[in-house]
Protein backbone atom coordinates (compact mmCIF):
# COMPACT_ATOMS: atom_id res chain seq x y z
CA UNK A 1 0.00 0.00 0.00
CA UNK A 2 2.95 2.36 0.54
CA UNK A 3 4.39 1.78 -2.93
CA UNK A 4 2.66 4.06 -5.51
CA UNK A 5 3.47 1.62 -8.32
CA UNK A 6 1.48 -1.12 -6.57
CA UNK A 7 -1.17 0.72 -4.55
CA UNK A 8 -1.62 3.73 -6.79
CA UNK A 9 -1.40 6.23 -3.96
CA UNK A 10 -1.57 6.72 -0.24
CA UNK A 11 -4.25 6.33 2.39
CA UNK A 12 -6.49 9.17 1.26
CA UNK A 13 -6.55 7.96 -2.33
CA UNK A 14 -6.92 4.26 -1.57
CA UNK A 15 -9.20 4.35 1.48
CA UNK A 16 -10.59 7.89 1.55
CA UNK A 17 -12.42 7.39 -1.74
CA UNK A 18 -15.11 5.45 0.15
CA UNK A 19 -15.81 8.49 2.33
CA UNK A 20 -15.72 10.71 -0.75
CA UNK A 21 -18.32 8.49 -2.45
CA UNK A 22 -20.58 8.77 0.61
CA UNK A 23 -20.10 12.55 0.54
CA UNK A 24 -21.29 12.67 -3.08
CA UNK A 25 -24.46 10.86 -2.03
CA UNK A 26 -24.99 13.43 0.75
CA UNK A 27 -24.42 16.26 -1.73
CA UNK A 28 -27.49 15.04 -3.65
CA UNK A 29 -26.32 16.24 -7.05
CA UNK A 30 -24.74 19.46 -5.85
CA UNK A 31 -21.06 20.19 -6.36
CA UNK A 32 -19.03 19.63 -3.17
CA UNK A 33 -15.90 21.76 -2.72
CA UNK A 34 -12.68 20.67 -1.01
CA UNK A 35 -12.12 23.39 1.56
CA UNK A 36 -8.89 21.97 3.04
CA UNK A 37 -6.70 18.90 2.78
CA UNK A 38 -3.68 17.56 4.62
CA UNK A 39 -1.40 14.63 3.86
CA UNK A 40 1.20 13.23 6.23
CA UNK A 41 4.07 11.09 4.97
CA UNK A 42 6.77 11.09 7.60
CA UNK A 43 6.25 7.97 9.70
CA UNK A 44 7.63 5.42 7.28
CA UNK A 45 9.63 7.55 4.85
CA UNK A 46 7.65 6.24 1.89
CA UNK A 47 6.65 8.04 -1.33
CA UNK A 48 2.95 8.22 -0.39
CA UNK A 49 1.10 9.50 2.66
CA UNK A 50 0.18 7.15 5.47
CA UNK A 51 -2.51 9.58 6.69
CA UNK A 52 -4.68 12.05 4.86
CA UNK A 53 -7.68 14.24 5.66
CA UNK A 54 -9.97 16.36 3.52
CA UNK A 55 -12.59 18.88 4.67
CA UNK A 56 -15.38 19.02 2.11
CA UNK A 57 -18.04 21.74 1.99
CA UNK A 58 -21.46 20.74 0.64
CA UNK A 59 -23.84 23.11 -1.19
CA UNK A 60 -26.34 22.84 1.69
CA UNK A 61 -23.76 24.39 4.04
CA UNK A 62 -22.73 21.17 5.79
CA UNK A 63 -19.10 20.17 6.14
CA UNK A 64 -17.78 16.61 5.86
CA UNK A 65 -14.38 15.47 7.18
CA UNK A 66 -12.93 12.45 5.34
CA UNK A 67 -9.91 10.88 7.04
CA UNK A 68 -7.92 7.78 6.17
CA UNK A 69 -4.73 6.29 7.51
CA UNK A 70 -2.64 3.16 7.51
CA UNK A 71 -1.48 3.45 11.11
PDB file of N, CA and C in Angstrom:
ATOM      1  N   UNK A   1       0.812  -1.209   0.000  1.00  0.00           N
ATOM      2  CA  UNK A   1       0.000   0.000   0.000  1.00  0.00           C
ATOM      3  C   UNK A   1       0.849   1.264   0.000  1.00  0.00           C
ATOM      4  N   UNK A   2       2.095   1.173   0.465  1.00  0.00           N
ATOM      5  CA  UNK A   2       2.946   2.357   0.536  1.00  0.00           C
ATOM      6  C   UNK A   2       3.803   2.548  -0.703  1.00  0.00           C
ATOM      7  N   UNK A   3       3.664   1.661  -1.667  1.00  0.00           N
ATOM      8  CA  UNK A   3       4.391   1.782  -2.929  1.00  0.00           C
ATOM      9  C   UNK A   3       3.421   2.284  -3.994  1.00  0.00           C
ATOM     10  N   UNK A   4       3.612   3.510  -4.545  1.00  0.00           N
ATOM     11  CA  UNK A   4       2.655   4.057  -5.509  1.00  0.00           C
ATOM     12  C   UNK A   4       2.537   3.222  -6.789  1.00  0.00           C
ATOM     13  N   UNK A   5       3.548   2.457  -7.133  1.00  0.00           N
ATOM     14  CA  UNK A   5       3.471   1.617  -8.323  1.00  0.00           C
ATOM     15  C   UNK A   5       2.518   0.439  -8.118  1.00  0.00           C
ATOM     16  N   UNK A   6       2.366   0.009  -6.878  1.00  0.00           N
ATOM     17  CA  UNK A   6       1.483  -1.124  -6.574  1.00  0.00           C
ATOM     18  C   UNK A   6       0.107  -0.640  -6.118  1.00  0.00           C
ATOM     19  N   UNK A   7       0.088   0.267  -5.147  1.00  0.00           N
ATOM     20  CA  UNK A   7      -1.165   0.716  -4.547  1.00  0.00           C
ATOM     21  C   UNK A   7      -1.803   1.897  -5.240  1.00  0.00           C
ATOM     22  N   UNK A   8      -1.060   2.597  -6.074  1.00  0.00           N
ATOM     23  CA  UNK A   8      -1.622   3.729  -6.794  1.00  0.00           C
ATOM     24  C   UNK A   8      -1.595   5.045  -6.034  1.00  0.00           C
ATOM     25  N   UNK A   9      -1.419   5.005  -4.750  1.00  0.00           N
ATOM     26  CA  UNK A   9      -1.401   6.233  -3.963  1.00  0.00           C
ATOM     27  C   UNK A   9      -1.401   5.913  -2.495  1.00  0.00           C
ATOM     28  N   UNK A  10      -1.600   6.905  -1.681  1.00  0.00           N
ATOM     29  CA  UNK A  10      -1.570   6.721  -0.243  1.00  0.00           C
ATOM     30  C   UNK A  10      -2.945   6.467   0.345  1.00  0.00           C
ATOM     31  N   UNK A  11      -3.039   6.663   1.649  1.00  0.00           N
ATOM     32  CA  UNK A  11      -4.247   6.330   2.392  1.00  0.00           C
ATOM     33  C   UNK A  11      -5.476   7.096   1.911  1.00  0.00           C
ATOM     34  N   UNK A  12      -5.321   8.383   1.657  1.00  0.00           N
ATOM     35  CA  UNK A  12      -6.492   9.173   1.256  1.00  0.00           C
ATOM     36  C   UNK A  12      -7.014   8.734  -0.107  1.00  0.00           C
ATOM     37  N   UNK A  13      -6.114   8.405  -1.008  1.00  0.00           N
ATOM     38  CA  UNK A  13      -6.548   7.964  -2.334  1.00  0.00           C
ATOM     39  C   UNK A  13      -7.123   6.546  -2.300  1.00  0.00           C
ATOM     40  N   UNK A  14      -6.480   5.651  -1.573  1.00  0.00           N
ATOM     41  CA  UNK A  14      -6.924   4.260  -1.566  1.00  0.00           C
ATOM     42  C   UNK A  14      -8.105   3.988  -0.646  1.00  0.00           C
ATOM     43  N   UNK A  15      -8.135   4.608   0.514  1.00  0.00           N
ATOM     44  CA  UNK A  15      -9.199   4.352   1.482  1.00  0.00           C
ATOM     45  C   UNK A  15     -10.200   5.499   1.582  1.00  0.00           C
ATOM     46  N   UNK A  16      -9.728   6.721   1.413  1.00  0.00           N
ATOM     47  CA  UNK A  16     -10.593   7.887   1.548  1.00  0.00           C
ATOM     48  C   UNK A  16     -11.647   8.001   0.464  1.00  0.00           C
ATOM     49  N   UNK A  17     -11.433   7.318  -0.649  1.00  0.00           N
ATOM     50  CA  UNK A  17     -12.416   7.392  -1.735  1.00  0.00           C
ATOM     51  C   UNK A  17     -13.778   6.855  -1.311  1.00  0.00           C
ATOM     52  N   UNK A  18     -13.824   5.966  -0.327  1.00  0.00           N
ATOM     53  CA  UNK A  18     -15.109   5.453   0.151  1.00  0.00           C
ATOM     54  C   UNK A  18     -15.879   6.550   0.883  1.00  0.00           C
ATOM     55  N   UNK A  19     -15.181   7.338   1.678  1.00  0.00           N
ATOM     56  CA  UNK A  19     -15.813   8.485   2.333  1.00  0.00           C
ATOM     57  C   UNK A  19     -16.209   9.559   1.332  1.00  0.00           C
ATOM     58  N   UNK A  20     -15.391   9.733   0.291  1.00  0.00           N
ATOM     59  CA  UNK A  20     -15.724  10.712  -0.753  1.00  0.00           C
ATOM     60  C   UNK A  20     -16.974  10.280  -1.510  1.00  0.00           C
ATOM     61  N   UNK A  21     -17.114   8.986  -1.782  1.00  0.00           N
ATOM     62  CA  UNK A  21     -18.322   8.486  -2.448  1.00  0.00           C
ATOM     63  C   UNK A  21     -19.557   8.745  -1.591  1.00  0.00           C
ATOM     64  N   UNK A  22     -19.453   8.499  -0.292  1.00  0.00           N
ATOM     65  CA  UNK A  22     -20.578   8.765   0.607  1.00  0.00           C
ATOM     66  C   UNK A  22     -20.904  10.254   0.630  1.00  0.00           C
ATOM     67  N   UNK A  23     -19.886  11.102   0.562  1.00  0.00           N
ATOM     68  CA  UNK A  23     -20.095  12.550   0.539  1.00  0.00           C
ATOM     69  C   UNK A  23     -20.864  12.969  -0.708  1.00  0.00           C
ATOM     70  N   UNK A  24     -20.556  12.359  -1.845  1.00  0.00           N
ATOM     71  CA  UNK A  24     -21.290  12.672  -3.077  1.00  0.00           C
ATOM     72  C   UNK A  24     -22.760  12.303  -2.959  1.00  0.00           C
ATOM     73  N   UNK A  25     -23.059  11.232  -2.256  1.00  0.00           N
ATOM     74  CA  UNK A  25     -24.457  10.857  -2.026  1.00  0.00           C
ATOM     75  C   UNK A  25     -25.134  11.928  -1.165  1.00  0.00           C
ATOM     76  N   UNK A  26     -24.433  12.387  -0.120  1.00  0.00           N
ATOM     77  CA  UNK A  26     -24.993  13.426   0.749  1.00  0.00           C
ATOM     78  C   UNK A  26     -25.184  14.745   0.009  1.00  0.00           C
ATOM     79  N   UNK A  27     -24.327  15.013  -0.973  1.00  0.00           N
ATOM     80  CA  UNK A  27     -24.420  16.261  -1.733  1.00  0.00           C
ATOM     81  C   UNK A  27     -25.655  16.305  -2.615  1.00  0.00           C
ATOM     82  N   UNK A  28     -26.235  15.149  -2.893  1.00  0.00           N
ATOM     83  CA  UNK A  28     -27.492  15.040  -3.655  1.00  0.00           C
ATOM     84  C   UNK A  28     -27.453  15.803  -4.974  1.00  0.00           C
ATOM     85  N   UNK A  29     -26.398  15.612  -5.731  1.00  0.00           N
ATOM     86  CA  UNK A  29     -26.320  16.235  -7.045  1.00  0.00           C
ATOM     87  C   UNK A  29     -25.646  17.585  -7.076  1.00  0.00           C
ATOM     88  N   UNK A  30     -25.442  18.188  -5.904  1.00  0.00           N
ATOM     89  CA  UNK A  30     -24.736  19.459  -5.854  1.00  0.00           C
ATOM     90  C   UNK A  30     -23.239  19.240  -5.992  1.00  0.00           C
ATOM     91  N   UNK A  31     -22.510  20.298  -6.185  1.00  0.00           N
ATOM     92  CA  UNK A  31     -21.059  20.189  -6.359  1.00  0.00           C
ATOM     93  C   UNK A  31     -20.338  20.456  -5.039  1.00  0.00           C
ATOM     94  N   UNK A  32     -19.805  19.411  -4.394  1.00  0.00           N
ATOM     95  CA  UNK A  32     -19.029  19.634  -3.174  1.00  0.00           C
ATOM     96  C   UNK A  32     -17.697  20.309  -3.498  1.00  0.00           C
ATOM     97  N   UNK A  33     -17.157  21.037  -2.524  1.00  0.00           N
ATOM     98  CA  UNK A  33     -15.902  21.763  -2.717  1.00  0.00           C
ATOM     99  C   UNK A  33     -14.923  21.325  -1.625  1.00  0.00           C
ATOM    100  N   UNK A  34     -13.706  20.987  -2.005  1.00  0.00           N
ATOM    101  CA  UNK A  34     -12.682  20.670  -1.013  1.00  0.00           C
ATOM    102  C   UNK A  34     -12.203  21.982  -0.405  1.00  0.00           C
ATOM    103  N   UNK A  35     -12.471  22.155   0.877  1.00  0.00           N
ATOM    104  CA  UNK A  35     -12.115  23.388   1.562  1.00  0.00           C
ATOM    105  C   UNK A  35     -10.692  23.332   2.112  1.00  0.00           C
ATOM    106  N   UNK A  36     -10.248  22.132   2.502  1.00  0.00           N
ATOM    107  CA  UNK A  36      -8.888  21.973   3.041  1.00  0.00           C
ATOM    108  C   UNK A  36      -8.495  20.509   2.924  1.00  0.00           C
ATOM    109  N   UNK A  37      -7.206  20.278   2.822  1.00  0.00           N
ATOM    110  CA  UNK A  37      -6.700  18.905   2.781  1.00  0.00           C
ATOM    111  C   UNK A  37      -5.315  18.867   3.400  1.00  0.00           C
ATOM    112  N   UNK A  38      -4.994  17.732   3.986  1.00  0.00           N
ATOM    113  CA  UNK A  38      -3.677  17.557   4.616  1.00  0.00           C
ATOM    114  C   UNK A  38      -3.232  16.120   4.430  1.00  0.00           C
ATOM    115  N   UNK A  39      -2.005  15.951   4.007  1.00  0.00           N
ATOM    116  CA  UNK A  39      -1.405  14.633   3.859  1.00  0.00           C
ATOM    117  C   UNK A  39      -0.170  14.563   4.744  1.00  0.00           C
ATOM    118  N   UNK A  40       0.044  13.415   5.366  1.00  0.00           N
ATOM    119  CA  UNK A  40       1.200  13.234   6.232  1.00  0.00           C
ATOM    120  C   UNK A  40       1.966  12.005   5.764  1.00  0.00           C
ATOM    121  N   UNK A  41       3.238  12.199   5.444  1.00  0.00           N
ATOM    122  CA  UNK A  41       4.071  11.092   4.968  1.00  0.00           C
ATOM    123  C   UNK A  41       5.439  11.155   5.628  1.00  0.00           C
ATOM    124  N   UNK A  42       5.473  11.025   6.935  1.00  0.00           N
ATOM    125  CA  UNK A  42       6.766  11.088   7.604  1.00  0.00           C
ATOM    126  C   UNK A  42       7.062   9.871   8.474  1.00  0.00           C
ATOM    127  N   UNK A  43       6.051   9.091   8.789  1.00  0.00           N
ATOM    128  CA  UNK A  43       6.245   7.971   9.703  1.00  0.00           C
ATOM    129  C   UNK A  43       7.075   6.836   9.148  1.00  0.00           C
ATOM    130  N   UNK A  44       6.932   6.553   7.879  1.00  0.00           N
ATOM    131  CA  UNK A  44       7.628   5.420   7.284  1.00  0.00           C
ATOM    132  C   UNK A  44       8.644   5.833   6.227  1.00  0.00           C
ATOM    133  N   UNK A  45       8.689   7.098   5.865  1.00  0.00           N
ATOM    134  CA  UNK A  45       9.628   7.554   4.852  1.00  0.00           C
ATOM    135  C   UNK A  45       9.318   7.037   3.460  1.00  0.00           C
ATOM    136  N   UNK A  46       8.060   6.762   3.188  1.00  0.00           N
ATOM    137  CA  UNK A  46       7.654   6.239   1.887  1.00  0.00           C
ATOM    138  C   UNK A  46       7.250   7.379   0.955  1.00  0.00           C
ATOM    139  N   UNK A  47       6.987   7.039  -0.312  1.00  0.00           N
ATOM    140  CA  UNK A  47       6.649   8.037  -1.335  1.00  0.00           C
ATOM    141  C   UNK A  47       5.199   8.528  -1.242  1.00  0.00           C
ATOM    142  N   UNK A  48       4.353   7.842  -0.502  1.00  0.00           N
ATOM    143  CA  UNK A  48       2.946   8.221  -0.389  1.00  0.00           C
ATOM    144  C   UNK A  48       2.613   8.509   1.072  1.00  0.00           C
ATOM    145  N   UNK A  49       1.482   9.173   1.289  1.00  0.00           N
ATOM    146  CA  UNK A  49       1.102   9.503   2.661  1.00  0.00           C
ATOM    147  C   UNK A  49       0.541   8.276   3.372  1.00  0.00           C
ATOM    148  N   UNK A  50       0.804   8.207   4.679  1.00  0.00           N
ATOM    149  CA  UNK A  50       0.176   7.149   5.469  1.00  0.00           C
ATOM    150  C   UNK A  50      -1.073   7.664   6.193  1.00  0.00           C
ATOM    151  N   UNK A  51      -1.305   8.978   6.129  1.00  0.00           N
ATOM    152  CA  UNK A  51      -2.512   9.576   6.690  1.00  0.00           C
ATOM    153  C   UNK A  51      -2.905  10.756   5.821  1.00  0.00           C
ATOM    154  N   UNK A  52      -4.191  10.908   5.606  1.00  0.00           N
ATOM    155  CA  UNK A  52      -4.681  12.051   4.861  1.00  0.00           C
ATOM    156  C   UNK A  52      -6.059  12.451   5.357  1.00  0.00           C
ATOM    157  N   UNK A  53      -6.371  13.733   5.259  1.00  0.00           N
ATOM    158  CA  UNK A  53      -7.679  14.241   5.664  1.00  0.00           C
ATOM    159  C   UNK A  53      -8.118  15.311   4.674  1.00  0.00           C
ATOM    160  N   UNK A  54      -9.405  15.343   4.405  1.00  0.00           N
ATOM    161  CA  UNK A  54      -9.974  16.365   3.524  1.00  0.00           C
ATOM    162  C   UNK A  54     -11.245  16.908   4.169  1.00  0.00           C
ATOM    163  N   UNK A  55     -11.382  18.215   4.191  1.00  0.00           N
ATOM    164  CA  UNK A  55     -12.588  18.878   4.670  1.00  0.00           C
ATOM    165  C   UNK A  55     -13.361  19.311   3.439  1.00  0.00           C
ATOM    166  N   UNK A  56     -14.574  18.804   3.311  1.00  0.00           N
ATOM    167  CA  UNK A  56     -15.384  19.024   2.112  1.00  0.00           C
ATOM    168  C   UNK A  56     -16.627  19.822   2.491  1.00  0.00           C
ATOM    169  N   UNK A  57     -16.870  20.893   1.765  1.00  0.00           N
ATOM    170  CA  UNK A  57     -18.040  21.742   1.989  1.00  0.00           C
ATOM    171  C   UNK A  57     -19.132  21.358   0.991  1.00  0.00           C
ATOM    172  N   UNK A  58     -20.326  21.109   1.499  1.00  0.00           N
ATOM    173  CA  UNK A  58     -21.461  20.744   0.644  1.00  0.00           C
ATOM    174  C   UNK A  58     -22.300  21.981   0.316  1.00  0.00           C
ATOM    175  N   UNK A  59     -23.015  21.952  -0.796  1.00  0.00           N
ATOM    176  CA  UNK A  59     -23.839  23.107  -1.187  1.00  0.00           C
ATOM    177  C   UNK A  59     -24.880  23.499  -0.140  1.00  0.00           C
ATOM    178  N   UNK A  60     -25.327  22.538   0.668  1.00  0.00           N
ATOM    179  CA  UNK A  60     -26.343  22.839   1.690  1.00  0.00           C
ATOM    180  C   UNK A  60     -25.756  23.556   2.893  1.00  0.00           C
ATOM    181  N   UNK A  61     -24.414  23.711   2.930  1.00  0.00           N
ATOM    182  CA  UNK A  61     -23.763  24.386   4.042  1.00  0.00           C
ATOM    183  C   UNK A  61     -23.108  23.437   5.029  1.00  0.00           C
ATOM    184  N   UNK A  62     -23.353  22.151   4.908  1.00  0.00           N
ATOM    185  CA  UNK A  62     -22.734  21.169   5.791  1.00  0.00           C
ATOM    186  C   UNK A  62     -21.282  20.949   5.424  1.00  0.00           C
ATOM    187  N   UNK A  63     -20.505  20.506   6.378  1.00  0.00           N
ATOM    188  CA  UNK A  63     -19.103  20.168   6.144  1.00  0.00           C
ATOM    189  C   UNK A  63     -18.883  18.704   6.473  1.00  0.00           C
ATOM    190  N   UNK A  64     -18.086  18.031   5.664  1.00  0.00           N
ATOM    191  CA  UNK A  64     -17.775  16.615   5.857  1.00  0.00           C
ATOM    192  C   UNK A  64     -16.261  16.468   5.977  1.00  0.00           C
ATOM    193  N   UNK A  65     -15.796  15.752   6.999  1.00  0.00           N
ATOM    194  CA  UNK A  65     -14.382  15.472   7.179  1.00  0.00           C
ATOM    195  C   UNK A  65     -14.134  14.024   6.767  1.00  0.00           C
ATOM    196  N   UNK A  66     -13.304  13.797   5.762  1.00  0.00           N
ATOM    197  CA  UNK A  66     -12.930  12.452   5.336  1.00  0.00           C
ATOM    198  C   UNK A  66     -11.486  12.235   5.768  1.00  0.00           C
ATOM    199  N   UNK A  67     -11.253  11.198   6.566  1.00  0.00           N
ATOM    200  CA  UNK A  67      -9.912  10.882   7.041  1.00  0.00           C
ATOM    201  C   UNK A  67      -9.608   9.431   6.726  1.00  0.00           C
ATOM    202  N   UNK A  68      -8.355   9.152   6.421  1.00  0.00           N
ATOM    203  CA  UNK A  68      -7.921   7.778   6.171  1.00  0.00           C
ATOM    204  C   UNK A  68      -6.459   7.646   6.571  1.00  0.00           C
ATOM    205  N   UNK A  69      -6.113   6.504   7.121  1.00  0.00           N
ATOM    206  CA  UNK A  69      -4.735   6.288   7.515  1.00  0.00           C
ATOM    207  C   UNK A  69      -4.396   4.812   7.556  1.00  0.00           C
ATOM    208  N   UNK A  70      -3.125   4.536   7.446  1.00  0.00           N
ATOM    209  CA  UNK A  70      -2.639   3.161   7.508  1.00  0.00           C
ATOM    210  C   UNK A  70      -2.156   2.791   8.905  1.00  0.00           C
ATOM    211  N   UNK A  71      -1.965   3.774   9.772  1.00  0.00           N
ATOM    212  CA  UNK A  71      -1.477   3.449  11.110  1.00  0.00           C
ATOM    213  C   UNK A  71      -2.286   4.164  12.174  1.00  0.00           C
TER     214      UNK A  71
END
